[in-house]
Amino acid sequence: MNFLTIILQAAPAAGAAPQQGGGWTMWIMLILIFVVMWLFMIRPQRQQQKKMEQFRNSLKKGDKVVTAGGIYGTIAEVTPESRTVLLKVDGETKLRVDKASLQQDFSESSAPQNNAQPEKK
């Protein structure tokens, strides 16, 4: 049982008139629902959107990326005035894609470094 349930189930003092309304409990519950929804849904979504926007704004020539459609390639040209990049897919094959379709960076500079020592047997 949580603290709010204990308070709501507490019996009124002997001889006291029963309380009318109780609308304040509804408002407290609505506020708590909104706070929980903000903490677990809205806030993480905004952080993820900011991270993706920062990733897309920091793209440079030579970065290895994957698009939302699953196309892997290397960035050949970034045009800052437009929202597109030229993606070198294979050999001389190039595609112009929207920055919003780029999902992930596979450059060696962004790959996690594994500094673990090999085990000796």
N, C-alpha and C. Protein backbone atom coordinates (compact mmCIF):
# COMPACT_ATOMS: atom_id res chain seq x y z
N MET A 1 0.85 -1.18 0.00
CA MET A 1 0.00 0.00 0.00
C MET A 1 0.89 1.24 0.00
N ASN A 2 0.47 2.23 -0.72
CA ASN A 2 1.26 3.44 -0.72
C ASN A 2 0.64 4.46 0.24
N PHE A 3 1.34 5.52 0.44
CA PHE A 3 0.94 6.52 1.43
C PHE A 3 -0.41 7.15 1.11
N LEU A 4 -0.68 7.42 -0.17
CA LEU A 4 -1.93 8.05 -0.55
C LEU A 4 -3.12 7.14 -0.26
N THR A 5 -2.96 5.85 -0.48
CA THR A 5 -4.05 4.90 -0.20
C THR A 5 -4.36 4.86 1.28
N ILE A 6 -3.35 4.88 2.10
CA ILE A 6 -3.56 4.87 3.56
C ILE A 6 -4.32 6.11 4.00
N ILE A 7 -3.94 7.26 3.47
CA ILE A 7 -4.62 8.51 3.84
C ILE A 7 -6.08 8.49 3.40
N LEU A 8 -6.34 8.00 2.18
CA LEU A 8 -7.71 7.99 1.66
C LEU A 8 -8.60 7.00 2.41
N GLN A 9 -8.04 5.93 2.96
CA GLN A 9 -8.82 4.93 3.65
C GLN A 9 -8.98 5.23 5.14
N ALA A 10 -8.30 6.23 5.65
CA ALA A 10 -8.38 6.55 7.07
C ALA A 10 -9.81 6.95 7.43
N ALA A 11 -10.28 6.41 8.52
CA ALA A 11 -11.64 6.71 8.97
C ALA A 11 -11.69 8.12 9.56
N PRO A 12 -12.80 8.83 9.37
CA PRO A 12 -12.91 10.17 9.98
C PRO A 12 -12.98 10.05 11.50
N ALA A 13 -12.59 11.11 12.17
CA ALA A 13 -12.58 11.13 13.64
C ALA A 13 -14.00 10.91 14.16
N ALA A 14 -14.10 10.32 15.36
CA ALA A 14 -15.40 10.00 15.95
C ALA A 14 -16.19 11.29 16.18
N GLY A 15 -17.44 11.27 15.80
CA GLY A 15 -18.32 12.42 16.02
C GLY A 15 -18.20 13.49 14.95
N ALA A 16 -17.25 13.35 14.04
CA ALA A 16 -17.10 14.37 13.00
C ALA A 16 -18.07 14.08 11.86
N ALA A 17 -18.52 15.13 11.24
CA ALA A 17 -19.45 14.99 10.12
C ALA A 17 -18.69 14.42 8.92
N PRO A 18 -19.31 13.58 8.12
CA PRO A 18 -18.63 13.05 6.95
C PRO A 18 -18.27 14.17 5.97
N GLN A 19 -17.12 14.02 5.33
CA GLN A 19 -16.65 15.06 4.42
C GLN A 19 -17.46 15.03 3.14
N GLN A 20 -17.71 16.20 2.62
CA GLN A 20 -18.41 16.34 1.36
C GLN A 20 -17.41 16.56 0.23
N GLY A 21 -17.69 16.03 -0.91
CA GLY A 21 -16.86 16.30 -2.09
C GLY A 21 -15.65 15.39 -2.16
N GLY A 22 -14.52 15.89 -1.79
CA GLY A 22 -13.27 15.15 -1.93
C GLY A 22 -12.68 15.34 -3.31
N GLY A 23 -12.96 16.45 -3.97
CA GLY A 23 -12.47 16.72 -5.31
C GLY A 23 -10.97 16.94 -5.36
N TRP A 24 -10.38 17.30 -4.25
CA TRP A 24 -8.94 17.55 -4.23
C TRP A 24 -8.16 16.28 -4.51
N THR A 25 -8.68 15.13 -4.14
CA THR A 25 -7.97 13.88 -4.41
C THR A 25 -7.92 13.60 -5.91
N MET A 26 -8.98 13.95 -6.62
CA MET A 26 -8.98 13.77 -8.06
C MET A 26 -7.90 14.62 -8.71
N TRP A 27 -7.75 15.86 -8.26
CA TRP A 27 -6.74 16.75 -8.82
C TRP A 27 -5.34 16.25 -8.52
N ILE A 28 -5.13 15.73 -7.32
CA ILE A 28 -3.82 15.20 -6.96
C ILE A 28 -3.47 14.01 -7.87
N MET A 29 -4.45 13.14 -8.07
CA MET A 29 -4.20 11.97 -8.92
C MET A 29 -3.92 12.39 -10.37
N LEU A 30 -4.66 13.36 -10.89
CA LEU A 30 -4.42 13.84 -12.25
C LEU A 30 -3.03 14.45 -12.39
N ILE A 31 -2.61 15.21 -11.40
CA ILE A 31 -1.28 15.81 -11.42
C ILE A 31 -0.21 14.73 -11.35
N LEU A 32 -0.41 13.73 -10.50
CA LEU A 32 0.56 12.64 -10.40
C LEU A 32 0.66 11.86 -11.71
N ILE A 33 -0.48 11.61 -12.34
CA ILE A 33 -0.47 10.90 -13.63
C ILE A 33 0.31 11.71 -14.67
N PHE A 34 0.09 13.02 -14.71
CA PHE A 34 0.80 13.86 -15.67
C PHE A 34 2.30 13.86 -15.40
N VAL A 35 2.70 13.95 -14.13
CA VAL A 35 4.12 13.95 -13.77
C VAL A 35 4.78 12.63 -14.17
N VAL A 36 4.13 11.52 -13.89
CA VAL A 36 4.68 10.22 -14.25
C VAL A 36 4.78 10.09 -15.77
N MET A 37 3.75 10.54 -16.47
CA MET A 37 3.77 10.47 -17.93
C MET A 37 4.90 11.33 -18.49
N TRP A 38 5.13 12.49 -17.92
CA TRP A 38 6.19 13.37 -18.37
C TRP A 38 7.56 12.72 -18.11
N LEU A 39 7.75 12.13 -16.93
CA LEU A 39 9.03 11.53 -16.58
C LEU A 39 9.38 10.32 -17.44
N PHE A 40 8.39 9.50 -17.75
CA PHE A 40 8.68 8.24 -18.43
C PHE A 40 8.42 8.26 -19.93
N MET A 41 7.72 9.27 -20.45
CA MET A 41 7.40 9.27 -21.88
C MET A 41 7.88 10.53 -22.59
N ILE A 42 7.49 11.68 -22.14
CA ILE A 42 7.76 12.92 -22.87
C ILE A 42 9.23 13.32 -22.78
N ARG A 43 9.79 13.32 -21.58
CA ARG A 43 11.17 13.76 -21.39
C ARG A 43 12.18 12.89 -22.15
N PRO A 44 12.12 11.56 -22.06
CA PRO A 44 13.06 10.75 -22.84
C PRO A 44 12.91 10.94 -24.35
N GLN A 45 11.69 11.14 -24.82
CA GLN A 45 11.45 11.37 -26.25
C GLN A 45 12.14 12.65 -26.70
N ARG A 46 12.03 13.70 -25.92
CA ARG A 46 12.67 14.98 -26.27
C ARG A 46 14.19 14.84 -26.27
N GLN A 47 14.74 14.11 -25.29
CA GLN A 47 16.18 13.91 -25.25
C GLN A 47 16.66 13.15 -26.47
N GLN A 48 15.92 12.15 -26.89
CA GLN A 48 16.28 11.37 -28.07
C GLN A 48 16.21 12.24 -29.33
N GLN A 49 15.19 13.10 -29.43
CA GLN A 49 15.07 13.98 -30.59
C GLN A 49 16.24 14.96 -30.66
N LYS A 50 16.65 15.51 -29.51
CA LYS A 50 17.78 16.44 -29.48
C LYS A 50 19.07 15.74 -29.89
N LYS A 51 19.24 14.49 -29.44
CA LYS A 51 20.43 13.73 -29.78
C LYS A 51 20.49 13.45 -31.29
N MET A 52 19.35 13.08 -31.89
CA MET A 52 19.31 12.82 -33.33
C MET A 52 19.55 14.11 -34.11
N GLU A 53 19.01 15.23 -33.66
CA GLU A 53 19.22 16.51 -34.34
C GLU A 53 20.69 16.90 -34.28
N GLN A 54 21.32 16.69 -33.13
CA GLN A 54 22.74 16.99 -32.99
C GLN A 54 23.57 16.09 -33.91
N PHE A 55 23.21 14.81 -33.99
CA PHE A 55 23.90 13.88 -34.89
C PHE A 55 23.80 14.33 -36.34
N ARG A 56 22.60 14.71 -36.76
CA ARG A 56 22.40 15.10 -38.16
C ARG A 56 23.09 16.42 -38.49
N ASN A 57 23.20 17.32 -37.50
CA ASN A 57 23.88 18.59 -37.75
C ASN A 57 25.39 18.44 -37.75
N SER A 58 25.92 17.37 -37.15
CA SER A 58 27.37 17.20 -37.06
C SER A 58 27.92 16.27 -38.14
N LEU A 59 27.11 15.92 -39.14
CA LEU A 59 27.58 15.04 -40.21
C LEU A 59 28.64 15.73 -41.04
N LYS A 60 29.64 14.94 -41.46
CA LYS A 60 30.70 15.48 -42.30
C LYS A 60 31.10 14.44 -43.34
N LYS A 61 31.85 14.86 -44.31
CA LYS A 61 32.27 13.99 -45.39
C LYS A 61 33.10 12.84 -44.82
N GLY A 62 32.79 11.62 -45.27
CA GLY A 62 33.53 10.45 -44.83
C GLY A 62 32.85 9.65 -43.73
N ASP A 63 31.81 10.21 -43.11
CA ASP A 63 31.08 9.46 -42.07
C ASP A 63 30.33 8.30 -42.69
N LYS A 64 30.37 7.17 -42.03
CA LYS A 64 29.62 6.00 -42.49
C LYS A 64 28.30 5.97 -41.74
N VAL A 65 27.20 5.93 -42.50
CA VAL A 65 25.87 6.02 -41.90
C VAL A 65 24.94 4.98 -42.50
N VAL A 66 23.79 4.81 -41.85
CA VAL A 66 22.73 3.95 -42.37
C VAL A 66 21.45 4.78 -42.39
N THR A 67 20.66 4.61 -43.45
CA THR A 67 19.40 5.35 -43.57
C THR A 67 18.28 4.58 -42.89
N ALA A 68 17.13 5.23 -42.78
CA ALA A 68 15.95 4.59 -42.19
C ALA A 68 15.50 3.40 -43.03
N GLY A 69 15.81 3.40 -44.31
CA GLY A 69 15.44 2.30 -45.19
C GLY A 69 16.43 1.15 -45.16
N GLY A 70 17.53 1.30 -44.42
CA GLY A 70 18.51 0.24 -44.30
C GLY A 70 19.63 0.30 -45.30
N ILE A 71 19.83 1.44 -45.94
CA ILE A 71 20.90 1.59 -46.92
C ILE A 71 22.16 2.09 -46.20
N TYR A 72 23.24 1.31 -46.31
CA TYR A 72 24.52 1.68 -45.70
C TYR A 72 25.34 2.44 -46.73
N GLY A 73 26.04 3.48 -46.27
CA GLY A 73 26.86 4.24 -47.19
C GLY A 73 27.78 5.20 -46.47
N THR A 74 28.60 5.87 -47.28
CA THR A 74 29.54 6.87 -46.77
C THR A 74 29.13 8.22 -47.32
N ILE A 75 29.17 9.23 -46.48
CA ILE A 75 28.77 10.57 -46.91
C ILE A 75 29.84 11.13 -47.84
N ALA A 76 29.43 11.52 -49.04
CA ALA A 76 30.35 12.09 -50.03
C ALA A 76 30.26 13.61 -50.05
N GLU A 77 29.11 14.16 -49.68
CA GLU A 77 28.94 15.62 -49.72
C GLU A 77 27.82 16.02 -48.77
N VAL A 78 28.06 17.08 -48.02
CA VAL A 78 27.04 17.63 -47.13
C VAL A 78 26.76 19.05 -47.59
N THR A 79 25.50 19.34 -47.86
CA THR A 79 25.13 20.70 -48.27
C THR A 79 24.45 21.38 -47.09
N PRO A 80 25.13 22.33 -46.45
CA PRO A 80 24.57 22.96 -45.26
C PRO A 80 23.31 23.79 -45.51
N GLU A 81 23.18 24.37 -46.73
CA GLU A 81 22.02 25.21 -47.00
C GLU A 81 20.76 24.39 -47.29
N SER A 82 20.93 23.12 -47.67
CA SER A 82 19.76 22.27 -47.89
C SER A 82 19.74 21.16 -46.84
N ARG A 83 18.69 20.38 -46.87
CA ARG A 83 18.54 19.31 -45.88
C ARG A 83 18.98 17.97 -46.44
N THR A 84 19.83 17.94 -47.45
CA THR A 84 20.20 16.69 -48.08
C THR A 84 21.69 16.43 -47.97
N VAL A 85 22.06 15.16 -48.13
CA VAL A 85 23.46 14.75 -48.21
C VAL A 85 23.59 13.80 -49.40
N LEU A 86 24.79 13.76 -49.95
CA LEU A 86 25.08 12.83 -51.03
C LEU A 86 25.75 11.62 -50.40
N LEU A 87 25.15 10.45 -50.59
CA LEU A 87 25.59 9.22 -49.95
C LEU A 87 26.21 8.30 -50.99
N LYS A 88 27.48 7.95 -50.78
CA LYS A 88 28.15 7.01 -51.68
C LYS A 88 27.85 5.61 -51.18
N VAL A 89 27.16 4.82 -52.01
CA VAL A 89 26.67 3.52 -51.57
C VAL A 89 27.65 2.42 -51.93
N ASP A 90 28.01 2.30 -53.21
CA ASP A 90 28.90 1.24 -53.66
C ASP A 90 29.61 1.70 -54.93
N GLY A 91 30.92 1.64 -54.92
CA GLY A 91 31.67 2.08 -56.10
C GLY A 91 31.40 3.54 -56.40
N GLU A 92 30.85 3.80 -57.57
CA GLU A 92 30.51 5.16 -57.96
C GLU A 92 29.02 5.46 -57.81
N THR A 93 28.28 4.57 -57.18
CA THR A 93 26.84 4.77 -56.99
C THR A 93 26.61 5.76 -55.86
N LYS A 94 25.90 6.82 -56.16
CA LYS A 94 25.63 7.85 -55.15
C LYS A 94 24.14 8.14 -55.10
N LEU A 95 23.65 8.39 -53.91
CA LEU A 95 22.24 8.72 -53.69
C LEU A 95 22.15 10.03 -52.93
N ARG A 96 21.21 10.86 -53.29
CA ARG A 96 20.96 12.07 -52.51
C ARG A 96 19.78 11.77 -51.59
N VAL A 97 20.02 11.86 -50.28
CA VAL A 97 18.99 11.53 -49.30
C VAL A 97 18.80 12.70 -48.33
N ASP A 98 17.65 12.74 -47.74
CA ASP A 98 17.33 13.75 -46.74
C ASP A 98 18.06 13.42 -45.44
N LYS A 99 18.53 14.44 -44.74
CA LYS A 99 19.23 14.22 -43.47
C LYS A 99 18.33 13.53 -42.44
N ALA A 100 17.04 13.78 -42.53
CA ALA A 100 16.12 13.19 -41.56
C ALA A 100 16.03 11.67 -41.70
N SER A 101 16.45 11.14 -42.85
CA SER A 101 16.38 9.69 -43.03
C SER A 101 17.62 8.98 -42.48
N LEU A 102 18.65 9.73 -42.10
CA LEU A 102 19.85 9.12 -41.54
C LEU A 102 19.63 8.77 -40.08
N GLN A 103 19.93 7.53 -39.73
CA GLN A 103 19.59 7.03 -38.40
C GLN A 103 20.79 6.79 -37.50
N GLN A 104 21.91 6.30 -38.05
CA GLN A 104 22.99 5.86 -37.20
C GLN A 104 24.33 6.12 -37.86
N ASP A 105 25.36 6.32 -37.05
CA ASP A 105 26.71 6.58 -37.53
C ASP A 105 27.56 5.33 -37.29
N PHE A 106 28.25 4.88 -38.34
CA PHE A 106 29.11 3.71 -38.22
C PHE A 106 30.57 4.06 -38.46
N SER A 107 30.94 5.31 -38.29
CA SER A 107 32.33 5.72 -38.47
C SER A 107 33.19 5.07 -37.39
N GLU A 108 34.46 4.87 -37.70
CA GLU A 108 35.36 4.28 -36.71
C GLU A 108 35.55 5.21 -35.52
N SER A 109 35.43 6.52 -35.72
CA SER A 109 35.59 7.46 -34.62
C SER A 109 34.44 7.38 -33.64
N SER A 110 33.26 6.93 -34.10
CA SER A 110 32.12 6.84 -33.21
C SER A 110 31.94 5.44 -32.64
N ALA A 111 32.73 4.47 -33.12
CA ALA A 111 32.61 3.09 -32.61
C ALA A 111 33.17 3.03 -31.20
N PRO A 112 32.55 2.25 -30.32
CA PRO A 112 33.05 2.14 -28.95
C PRO A 112 34.41 1.46 -28.94
N GLN A 113 35.31 1.97 -28.13
CA GLN A 113 36.64 1.42 -28.03
C GLN A 113 36.64 0.28 -27.02
N ASN A 114 37.25 -0.84 -27.37
CA ASN A 114 37.32 -1.98 -26.48
C ASN A 114 38.75 -2.08 -25.96
N ASN A 115 38.95 -1.62 -24.72
CA ASN A 115 40.27 -1.61 -24.12
C ASN A 115 40.49 -2.78 -23.17
N ALA A 116 39.65 -3.78 -23.27
CA ALA A 116 39.77 -4.93 -22.37
C ALA A 116 41.01 -5.74 -22.71
N GLN A 117 41.68 -6.21 -21.68
CA GLN A 117 42.86 -7.04 -21.85
C GLN A 117 42.43 -8.48 -22.14
N PRO A 118 43.09 -9.16 -23.08
CA PRO A 118 42.75 -10.55 -23.33
C PRO A 118 43.13 -11.42 -22.13
N GLU A 119 42.32 -12.43 -21.89
CA GLU A 119 42.58 -13.32 -20.76
C GLU A 119 43.72 -14.26 -21.09
N LYS A 120 44.57 -14.50 -20.09
CA LYS A 120 45.66 -15.45 -20.25
C LYS A 120 45.23 -16.80 -19.72
N LYS A 121 45.57 -17.84 -20.47
CA LYS A 121 45.19 -19.19 -20.04
C LYS A 121 46.39 -19.94 -19.56
